[in-house]
Amino acid sequence: MVDIESLSGNPTTSGGKESGVRGRTTIADGVVATIAEIAIRETDGVHSVGKGASKALGAVAGRVSGASGRGRTVKVEVGEKQTAIDVDVEVEYGVPIHELADRIRANVVDAVETMTGLEAVEININVFDVHIPDEDDEDGSDGSEGAVSGRGGSRVR
């Protein structure tokens, strides 16, 4: 969690004639993670954010008010003025990954720095899979078709 003191003359405060501290704003780590996750999801070429259980839990936890950071799909470390972000992504097939990573970083930096005032100093991206659209088309609605053989009938990605 980070505390930010608002000083007079700061463009985000109204007035600006008074001197000194006007108050304290506390930004929870989960807020930074949520902002980053939304910026990542909005990047063209990203199929999904997170992997496995953290992906499923993050999707549910992200919709529950006051949900804890456990199971989040984006991990953050927040200092007094800076933040570092780690994320796992699945990319769309055919998208140049190095260019996508640059776009993800630009979107995250813009969103986090604009909304929180924190400097995003490091954004680590782990590309764990490539989404191939044809795989979804071949899957049966009951999950029995397209299952990976030799793995107990469960679909593993």
N, C-alpha and C. Protein backbone atom coordinates (compact mmCIF):
# COMPACT_ATOMS: atom_id res chain seq x y z
N MET A 1 0.84 -1.16 0.00
CA MET A 1 0.00 0.00 0.00
C MET A 1 0.89 1.23 0.00
N VAL A 2 0.44 2.27 -0.62
CA VAL A 2 1.23 3.49 -0.72
C VAL A 2 0.40 4.67 -0.22
N ASP A 3 1.04 5.56 0.49
CA ASP A 3 0.41 6.80 0.93
C ASP A 3 0.98 7.94 0.10
N ILE A 4 0.10 8.79 -0.39
CA ILE A 4 0.52 9.91 -1.20
C ILE A 4 0.02 11.18 -0.54
N GLU A 5 0.93 12.11 -0.26
CA GLU A 5 0.52 13.37 0.33
C GLU A 5 0.22 14.34 -0.79
N SER A 6 -0.91 15.03 -0.68
CA SER A 6 -1.29 16.02 -1.67
C SER A 6 -0.81 17.38 -1.20
N LEU A 7 0.01 18.01 -2.00
CA LEU A 7 0.52 19.33 -1.67
C LEU A 7 -0.21 20.37 -2.48
N SER A 8 -0.28 21.59 -1.95
CA SER A 8 -0.92 22.66 -2.72
C SER A 8 -0.12 22.92 -3.98
N GLY A 9 -0.79 23.36 -5.01
CA GLY A 9 -0.13 23.59 -6.27
C GLY A 9 -0.09 22.35 -7.14
N ASN A 10 -0.44 21.22 -6.58
CA ASN A 10 -0.51 19.98 -7.35
C ASN A 10 -1.68 20.08 -8.30
N PRO A 11 -1.50 19.76 -9.57
CA PRO A 11 -2.59 19.91 -10.54
C PRO A 11 -3.83 19.10 -10.20
N THR A 12 -3.71 18.09 -9.33
CA THR A 12 -4.88 17.28 -9.01
C THR A 12 -5.69 17.86 -7.87
N THR A 13 -5.18 18.93 -7.22
CA THR A 13 -5.93 19.52 -6.11
C THR A 13 -6.61 20.79 -6.60
N SER A 14 -7.70 21.13 -5.93
CA SER A 14 -8.39 22.37 -6.31
C SER A 14 -7.84 23.51 -5.47
N GLY A 15 -8.02 24.69 -5.94
CA GLY A 15 -7.54 25.85 -5.18
C GLY A 15 -6.10 26.12 -5.50
N GLY A 16 -5.21 25.72 -4.62
CA GLY A 16 -3.80 25.92 -4.86
C GLY A 16 -3.25 27.13 -4.15
N LYS A 17 -4.08 27.88 -3.39
CA LYS A 17 -3.61 29.08 -2.71
C LYS A 17 -3.08 28.75 -1.32
N GLU A 18 -3.51 27.63 -0.74
CA GLU A 18 -3.07 27.27 0.59
C GLU A 18 -1.72 26.56 0.49
N SER A 19 -0.94 26.66 1.57
CA SER A 19 0.34 25.95 1.56
C SER A 19 0.26 24.78 2.52
N GLY A 20 1.13 23.77 2.27
CA GLY A 20 1.19 22.63 3.17
C GLY A 20 0.40 21.44 2.65
N VAL A 21 0.31 20.43 3.50
CA VAL A 21 -0.33 19.17 3.16
C VAL A 21 -1.84 19.30 3.37
N ARG A 22 -2.59 18.80 2.43
CA ARG A 22 -4.05 18.84 2.53
C ARG A 22 -4.63 17.52 2.99
N GLY A 23 -3.85 16.50 2.94
CA GLY A 23 -4.36 15.20 3.38
C GLY A 23 -3.53 14.08 2.80
N ARG A 24 -3.96 12.87 3.09
CA ARG A 24 -3.22 11.68 2.66
C ARG A 24 -4.16 10.80 1.85
N THR A 25 -3.64 10.28 0.75
CA THR A 25 -4.36 9.33 -0.08
C THR A 25 -3.63 8.01 -0.01
N THR A 26 -4.34 6.93 0.29
CA THR A 26 -3.74 5.61 0.36
C THR A 26 -4.24 4.78 -0.82
N ILE A 27 -3.29 4.20 -1.56
CA ILE A 27 -3.64 3.37 -2.71
C ILE A 27 -3.21 1.94 -2.40
N ALA A 28 -4.16 1.03 -2.33
CA ALA A 28 -3.87 -0.38 -2.03
C ALA A 28 -3.20 -1.04 -3.23
N ASP A 29 -2.36 -2.04 -2.94
CA ASP A 29 -1.69 -2.79 -4.00
C ASP A 29 -2.69 -3.35 -5.01
N GLY A 30 -3.83 -3.82 -4.50
CA GLY A 30 -4.85 -4.41 -5.36
C GLY A 30 -5.41 -3.42 -6.37
N VAL A 31 -5.42 -2.14 -5.99
CA VAL A 31 -5.90 -1.11 -6.92
C VAL A 31 -4.94 -1.00 -8.10
N VAL A 32 -3.66 -0.98 -7.81
CA VAL A 32 -2.65 -0.91 -8.87
C VAL A 32 -2.74 -2.15 -9.76
N ALA A 33 -2.92 -3.31 -9.14
CA ALA A 33 -3.04 -4.56 -9.90
C ALA A 33 -4.26 -4.53 -10.82
N THR A 34 -5.36 -4.03 -10.32
CA THR A 34 -6.59 -3.97 -11.12
C THR A 34 -6.42 -3.02 -12.30
N ILE A 35 -5.83 -1.86 -12.06
CA ILE A 35 -5.60 -0.89 -13.14
C ILE A 35 -4.71 -1.51 -14.22
N ALA A 36 -3.63 -2.17 -13.79
CA ALA A 36 -2.72 -2.81 -14.74
C ALA A 36 -3.42 -3.91 -15.52
N GLU A 37 -4.20 -4.74 -14.82
CA GLU A 37 -4.89 -5.85 -15.49
C GLU A 37 -5.86 -5.35 -16.55
N ILE A 38 -6.60 -4.31 -16.25
CA ILE A 38 -7.54 -3.76 -17.24
C ILE A 38 -6.77 -3.23 -18.45
N ALA A 39 -5.66 -2.53 -18.21
CA ALA A 39 -4.86 -1.99 -19.31
C ALA A 39 -4.31 -3.12 -20.17
N ILE A 40 -3.92 -4.23 -19.55
CA ILE A 40 -3.39 -5.37 -20.30
C ILE A 40 -4.49 -6.02 -21.12
N ARG A 41 -5.65 -6.26 -20.51
CA ARG A 41 -6.78 -6.88 -21.22
C ARG A 41 -7.24 -6.05 -22.41
N GLU A 42 -7.08 -4.73 -22.32
CA GLU A 42 -7.51 -3.84 -23.41
C GLU A 42 -6.50 -3.76 -24.55
N THR A 43 -5.37 -4.43 -24.41
CA THR A 43 -4.33 -4.40 -25.44
C THR A 43 -4.66 -5.42 -26.53
N ASP A 44 -4.78 -4.96 -27.77
CA ASP A 44 -5.05 -5.86 -28.89
C ASP A 44 -3.94 -6.88 -29.02
N GLY A 45 -4.32 -8.16 -29.15
CA GLY A 45 -3.35 -9.24 -29.28
C GLY A 45 -3.23 -10.09 -28.03
N VAL A 46 -3.76 -9.58 -26.90
CA VAL A 46 -3.77 -10.36 -25.66
C VAL A 46 -5.05 -11.18 -25.65
N HIS A 47 -4.91 -12.51 -25.55
CA HIS A 47 -6.08 -13.37 -25.49
C HIS A 47 -6.60 -13.47 -24.06
N SER A 48 -5.69 -13.70 -23.10
CA SER A 48 -6.10 -13.78 -21.70
C SER A 48 -4.94 -13.40 -20.79
N VAL A 49 -5.30 -13.07 -19.56
CA VAL A 49 -4.33 -12.66 -18.55
C VAL A 49 -4.37 -13.68 -17.43
N GLY A 50 -3.20 -14.13 -16.98
CA GLY A 50 -3.12 -15.12 -15.91
C GLY A 50 -3.19 -16.52 -16.49
N LYS A 51 -2.83 -17.48 -15.63
CA LYS A 51 -2.91 -18.86 -16.08
C LYS A 51 -3.49 -19.74 -14.99
N GLY A 52 -4.13 -20.79 -15.42
CA GLY A 52 -4.67 -21.80 -14.50
C GLY A 52 -5.61 -21.24 -13.46
N ALA A 53 -5.41 -21.67 -12.22
CA ALA A 53 -6.30 -21.32 -11.12
C ALA A 53 -6.29 -19.82 -10.85
N SER A 54 -5.12 -19.17 -10.97
CA SER A 54 -5.08 -17.73 -10.69
C SER A 54 -5.91 -16.96 -11.70
N LYS A 55 -5.98 -17.47 -12.94
CA LYS A 55 -6.79 -16.84 -13.97
C LYS A 55 -8.27 -16.92 -13.62
N ALA A 56 -8.72 -18.09 -13.22
CA ALA A 56 -10.12 -18.29 -12.86
C ALA A 56 -10.47 -17.52 -11.59
N LEU A 57 -9.61 -17.62 -10.57
CA LEU A 57 -9.87 -16.91 -9.32
C LEU A 57 -9.80 -15.41 -9.51
N GLY A 58 -8.86 -14.96 -10.33
CA GLY A 58 -8.73 -13.53 -10.59
C GLY A 58 -9.95 -12.97 -11.28
N ALA A 59 -10.54 -13.73 -12.19
CA ALA A 59 -11.74 -13.28 -12.88
C ALA A 59 -12.90 -13.13 -11.91
N VAL A 60 -13.03 -14.06 -10.96
CA VAL A 60 -14.10 -14.00 -9.98
C VAL A 60 -13.79 -12.94 -8.94
N ALA A 61 -12.57 -12.94 -8.40
CA ALA A 61 -12.19 -12.00 -7.35
C ALA A 61 -12.26 -10.57 -7.85
N GLY A 62 -11.95 -10.36 -9.11
CA GLY A 62 -12.00 -9.02 -9.67
C GLY A 62 -13.40 -8.44 -9.69
N ARG A 63 -14.41 -9.29 -9.62
CA ARG A 63 -15.79 -8.83 -9.64
C ARG A 63 -16.40 -8.72 -8.25
N VAL A 64 -15.68 -9.20 -7.23
CA VAL A 64 -16.21 -9.19 -5.87
C VAL A 64 -15.63 -7.99 -5.14
N SER A 65 -16.49 -7.14 -4.62
CA SER A 65 -16.04 -5.96 -3.90
C SER A 65 -15.26 -6.37 -2.67
N GLY A 66 -14.10 -5.76 -2.48
CA GLY A 66 -13.29 -6.03 -1.30
C GLY A 66 -12.54 -7.34 -1.36
N ALA A 67 -12.45 -7.96 -2.53
CA ALA A 67 -11.75 -9.24 -2.64
C ALA A 67 -10.27 -9.05 -2.36
N SER A 68 -9.65 -10.07 -1.78
CA SER A 68 -8.23 -9.98 -1.44
C SER A 68 -7.39 -10.16 -2.69
N GLY A 69 -6.09 -9.92 -2.55
CA GLY A 69 -5.17 -10.03 -3.67
C GLY A 69 -4.81 -11.46 -4.02
N ARG A 70 -5.19 -12.42 -3.17
CA ARG A 70 -4.86 -13.81 -3.48
C ARG A 70 -5.56 -14.25 -4.75
N GLY A 71 -4.83 -14.92 -5.63
CA GLY A 71 -5.42 -15.40 -6.87
C GLY A 71 -5.43 -14.36 -7.97
N ARG A 72 -4.85 -13.21 -7.69
CA ARG A 72 -4.79 -12.16 -8.72
C ARG A 72 -3.96 -12.64 -9.90
N THR A 73 -4.31 -12.15 -11.06
CA THR A 73 -3.59 -12.53 -12.27
C THR A 73 -2.43 -11.58 -12.54
N VAL A 74 -2.38 -10.45 -11.85
CA VAL A 74 -1.30 -9.49 -11.97
C VAL A 74 -0.72 -9.28 -10.58
N LYS A 75 0.58 -9.45 -10.46
CA LYS A 75 1.26 -9.25 -9.17
C LYS A 75 1.95 -7.90 -9.20
N VAL A 76 1.85 -7.16 -8.10
CA VAL A 76 2.50 -5.86 -8.03
C VAL A 76 3.30 -5.72 -6.75
N GLU A 77 4.34 -4.92 -6.83
CA GLU A 77 5.09 -4.46 -5.66
C GLU A 77 5.00 -2.95 -5.71
N VAL A 78 4.50 -2.37 -4.63
CA VAL A 78 4.32 -0.92 -4.60
C VAL A 78 5.20 -0.33 -3.52
N GLY A 79 6.01 0.64 -3.92
CA GLY A 79 6.84 1.38 -2.98
C GLY A 79 6.22 2.74 -2.72
N GLU A 80 7.02 3.66 -2.22
CA GLU A 80 6.50 5.00 -1.91
C GLU A 80 6.13 5.78 -3.16
N LYS A 81 6.96 5.64 -4.21
CA LYS A 81 6.72 6.42 -5.42
C LYS A 81 6.77 5.59 -6.69
N GLN A 82 7.10 4.29 -6.56
CA GLN A 82 7.27 3.45 -7.74
C GLN A 82 6.55 2.12 -7.56
N THR A 83 6.32 1.46 -8.68
CA THR A 83 5.70 0.15 -8.65
C THR A 83 6.35 -0.76 -9.71
N ALA A 84 6.37 -2.05 -9.40
CA ALA A 84 6.83 -3.07 -10.35
C ALA A 84 5.68 -4.05 -10.54
N ILE A 85 5.52 -4.54 -11.75
CA ILE A 85 4.36 -5.36 -12.10
C ILE A 85 4.82 -6.62 -12.83
N ASP A 86 4.27 -7.77 -12.44
CA ASP A 86 4.51 -9.05 -13.11
C ASP A 86 3.18 -9.59 -13.61
N VAL A 87 3.18 -10.10 -14.84
CA VAL A 87 1.94 -10.62 -15.42
C VAL A 87 2.23 -11.80 -16.34
N ASP A 88 1.30 -12.77 -16.35
CA ASP A 88 1.32 -13.90 -17.28
C ASP A 88 0.24 -13.66 -18.32
N VAL A 89 0.59 -13.78 -19.60
CA VAL A 89 -0.40 -13.56 -20.66
C VAL A 89 -0.37 -14.68 -21.68
N GLU A 90 -1.54 -14.91 -22.26
CA GLU A 90 -1.69 -15.78 -23.42
C GLU A 90 -1.95 -14.85 -24.60
N VAL A 91 -1.18 -15.01 -25.67
CA VAL A 91 -1.28 -14.11 -26.81
C VAL A 91 -2.01 -14.77 -27.97
N GLU A 92 -2.54 -13.95 -28.85
CA GLU A 92 -3.18 -14.45 -30.06
C GLU A 92 -2.11 -14.90 -31.05
N TYR A 93 -2.36 -16.00 -31.74
CA TYR A 93 -1.43 -16.49 -32.76
C TYR A 93 -1.28 -15.45 -33.86
N GLY A 94 -0.06 -15.26 -34.33
CA GLY A 94 0.20 -14.35 -35.43
C GLY A 94 0.62 -12.95 -35.00
N VAL A 95 0.46 -12.64 -33.73
CA VAL A 95 0.84 -11.32 -33.23
C VAL A 95 2.33 -11.34 -32.89
N PRO A 96 3.10 -10.39 -33.40
CA PRO A 96 4.52 -10.32 -33.04
C PRO A 96 4.65 -10.05 -31.52
N ILE A 97 5.17 -11.03 -30.80
CA ILE A 97 5.17 -10.97 -29.34
C ILE A 97 6.00 -9.81 -28.82
N HIS A 98 7.14 -9.55 -29.42
CA HIS A 98 7.98 -8.44 -28.94
C HIS A 98 7.26 -7.09 -29.09
N GLU A 99 6.50 -6.93 -30.15
CA GLU A 99 5.73 -5.69 -30.34
C GLU A 99 4.56 -5.62 -29.36
N LEU A 100 3.92 -6.76 -29.14
CA LEU A 100 2.81 -6.82 -28.18
C LEU A 100 3.31 -6.46 -26.78
N ALA A 101 4.45 -6.99 -26.40
CA ALA A 101 5.02 -6.69 -25.08
C ALA A 101 5.26 -5.19 -24.92
N ASP A 102 5.75 -4.56 -25.98
CA ASP A 102 5.96 -3.10 -25.93
C ASP A 102 4.64 -2.36 -25.75
N ARG A 103 3.59 -2.81 -26.46
CA ARG A 103 2.27 -2.17 -26.34
C ARG A 103 1.67 -2.38 -24.95
N ILE A 104 1.84 -3.59 -24.40
CA ILE A 104 1.35 -3.87 -23.05
C ILE A 104 2.03 -2.92 -22.06
N ARG A 105 3.36 -2.84 -22.15
CA ARG A 105 4.10 -1.96 -21.23
C ARG A 105 3.63 -0.51 -21.35
N ALA A 106 3.46 -0.03 -22.58
CA ALA A 106 3.03 1.35 -22.79
C ALA A 106 1.64 1.59 -22.19
N ASN A 107 0.72 0.64 -22.42
CA ASN A 107 -0.63 0.79 -21.88
C ASN A 107 -0.64 0.77 -20.35
N VAL A 108 0.14 -0.13 -19.76
CA VAL A 108 0.19 -0.24 -18.30
C VAL A 108 0.82 1.00 -17.69
N VAL A 109 1.94 1.45 -18.26
CA VAL A 109 2.59 2.65 -17.75
C VAL A 109 1.64 3.83 -17.80
N ASP A 110 0.98 4.02 -18.93
CA ASP A 110 0.04 5.13 -19.09
C ASP A 110 -1.09 5.06 -18.06
N ALA A 111 -1.71 3.90 -17.92
CA ALA A 111 -2.85 3.76 -17.01
C ALA A 111 -2.42 3.92 -15.55
N VAL A 112 -1.37 3.22 -15.14
CA VAL A 112 -0.96 3.25 -13.74
C VAL A 112 -0.45 4.64 -13.35
N GLU A 113 0.40 5.21 -14.18
CA GLU A 113 0.96 6.51 -13.83
C GLU A 113 -0.10 7.60 -13.85
N THR A 114 -1.02 7.55 -14.81
CA THR A 114 -2.08 8.55 -14.89
C THR A 114 -3.03 8.45 -13.71
N MET A 115 -3.42 7.22 -13.35
CA MET A 115 -4.44 7.05 -12.32
C MET A 115 -3.89 7.10 -10.89
N THR A 116 -2.62 6.73 -10.69
CA THR A 116 -2.10 6.66 -9.32
C THR A 116 -0.99 7.66 -9.02
N GLY A 117 -0.31 8.15 -10.05
CA GLY A 117 0.83 9.02 -9.83
C GLY A 117 2.11 8.26 -9.52
N LEU A 118 2.02 6.93 -9.44
CA LEU A 118 3.21 6.10 -9.19
C LEU A 118 3.97 5.91 -10.49
N GLU A 119 5.29 5.81 -10.40
CA GLU A 119 6.11 5.53 -11.56
C GLU A 119 6.20 4.02 -11.74
N ALA A 120 5.77 3.52 -12.89
CA ALA A 120 5.86 2.08 -13.19
C ALA A 120 7.26 1.83 -13.73
N VAL A 121 8.15 1.32 -12.87
CA VAL A 121 9.55 1.19 -13.25
C VAL A 121 9.88 -0.14 -13.90
N GLU A 122 9.05 -1.15 -13.68
CA GLU A 122 9.34 -2.47 -14.23
C GLU A 122 8.04 -3.20 -14.50
N ILE A 123 7.90 -3.72 -15.72
CA ILE A 123 6.74 -4.52 -16.07
C ILE A 123 7.26 -5.79 -16.72
N ASN A 124 7.20 -6.88 -15.97
CA ASN A 124 7.70 -8.18 -16.43
C ASN A 124 6.55 -8.97 -17.02
N ILE A 125 6.71 -9.42 -18.25
CA ILE A 125 5.66 -10.12 -18.98
C ILE A 125 6.12 -11.54 -19.26
N ASN A 126 5.35 -12.51 -18.80
CA ASN A 126 5.62 -13.92 -19.08
C ASN A 126 4.57 -14.40 -20.07
N VAL A 127 4.98 -14.66 -21.31
CA VAL A 127 4.06 -15.20 -22.31
C VAL A 127 4.07 -16.71 -22.14
N PHE A 128 2.97 -17.27 -21.62
CA PHE A 128 2.93 -18.69 -21.29
C PHE A 128 2.24 -19.54 -22.34
N ASP A 129 1.53 -18.91 -23.30
CA ASP A 129 0.83 -19.70 -24.31
C ASP A 129 0.46 -18.82 -25.49
N VAL A 130 0.17 -19.48 -26.60
CA VAL A 130 -0.32 -18.83 -27.81
C VAL A 130 -1.71 -19.41 -28.08
N HIS A 131 -2.69 -18.54 -28.21
CA HIS A 131 -4.05 -18.98 -28.49
C HIS A 131 -4.21 -19.17 -29.99
N ILE A 132 -4.64 -20.36 -30.38
CA ILE A 132 -4.89 -20.67 -31.78
C ILE A 132 -6.41 -20.75 -31.94
N PRO A 133 -7.01 -19.84 -32.70
CA PRO A 133 -8.48 -19.79 -32.81
C PRO A 133 -9.12 -21.10 -33.22
N ASP A 134 -8.48 -21.89 -34.08
CA ASP A 134 -9.07 -23.15 -34.54
C ASP A 134 -9.29 -24.13 -33.40
N GLU A 135 -8.49 -24.06 -32.34
CA GLU A 135 -8.66 -24.97 -31.20
C GLU A 135 -10.01 -24.78 -30.55
N ASP A 136 -10.48 -23.54 -30.43
CA ASP A 136 -11.78 -23.28 -29.83
C ASP A 136 -12.91 -23.81 -30.70
N ASP A 137 -12.76 -23.70 -32.02
CA ASP A 137 -13.80 -24.16 -32.95
C ASP A 137 -13.96 -25.67 -32.91
N GLU A 138 -12.86 -26.40 -32.66
CA GLU A 138 -12.91 -27.87 -32.65
C GLU A 138 -13.43 -28.43 -31.34
N ASP A 139 -13.38 -27.66 -30.26
CA ASP A 139 -13.83 -28.16 -28.96
C ASP A 139 -15.33 -28.38 -28.96
N GLY A 140 -15.75 -29.46 -28.35
CA GLY A 140 -17.18 -29.72 -28.21
C GLY A 140 -17.74 -28.92 -27.05
N SER A 141 -19.03 -28.68 -27.06
CA SER A 141 -19.64 -27.89 -25.99
C SER A 141 -19.62 -28.62 -24.66
N ASP A 142 -19.55 -29.97 -24.69
CA ASP A 142 -19.54 -30.71 -23.42
C ASP A 142 -18.12 -30.94 -22.91
N GLY A 143 -17.12 -30.50 -23.64
CA GLY A 143 -15.74 -30.62 -23.20
C GLY A 143 -15.13 -31.97 -23.49
N SER A 144 -15.90 -32.93 -24.04
CA SER A 144 -15.34 -34.26 -24.27
C SER A 144 -14.52 -34.31 -25.55
N GLU A 145 -14.88 -33.53 -26.56
CA GLU A 145 -14.11 -33.51 -27.79
C GLU A 145 -12.92 -32.60 -27.62
N GLY A 146 -11.82 -32.93 -28.26
CA GLY A 146 -10.65 -32.07 -28.20
C GLY A 146 -9.86 -32.24 -26.93
N ALA A 147 -10.21 -33.20 -26.09
CA ALA A 147 -9.47 -33.41 -24.85
C ALA A 147 -8.11 -33.99 -25.18
N VAL A 148 -7.14 -33.65 -24.41
CA VAL A 148 -5.79 -34.14 -24.63
C VAL A 148 -5.70 -35.56 -24.10
N SER A 149 -5.27 -36.50 -24.96
CA SER A 149 -5.21 -37.89 -24.55
C SER A 149 -4.05 -38.11 -23.59
N GLY A 150 -4.20 -39.11 -22.73
CA GLY A 150 -3.15 -39.45 -21.79
C GLY A 150 -3.11 -38.58 -20.56
N ARG A 151 -4.07 -37.73 -20.39
CA ARG A 151 -4.08 -36.83 -19.24
C ARG A 151 -5.40 -36.93 -18.49
N GLY A 152 -5.98 -38.10 -18.45
CA GLY A 152 -7.20 -38.30 -17.69
C GLY A 152 -8.41 -37.60 -18.28
N GLY A 153 -8.35 -37.27 -19.55
CA GLY A 153 -9.51 -36.68 -20.20
C GLY A 153 -9.67 -35.19 -19.93
N SER A 154 -8.80 -34.60 -19.11
CA SER A 154 -8.94 -33.18 -18.85
C SER A 154 -8.19 -32.38 -19.91
N ARG A 155 -8.69 -31.23 -20.22
CA ARG A 155 -8.07 -30.36 -21.22
C ARG A 155 -7.02 -29.52 -20.52
N VAL A 156 -5.79 -29.61 -20.98
CA VAL A 156 -4.71 -28.87 -20.38
C VAL A 156 -4.19 -27.86 -21.38
N ARG A 157 -4.04 -26.65 -20.95
CA ARG A 157 -3.53 -25.57 -21.82
C ARG A 157 -2.23 -25.09 -21.30
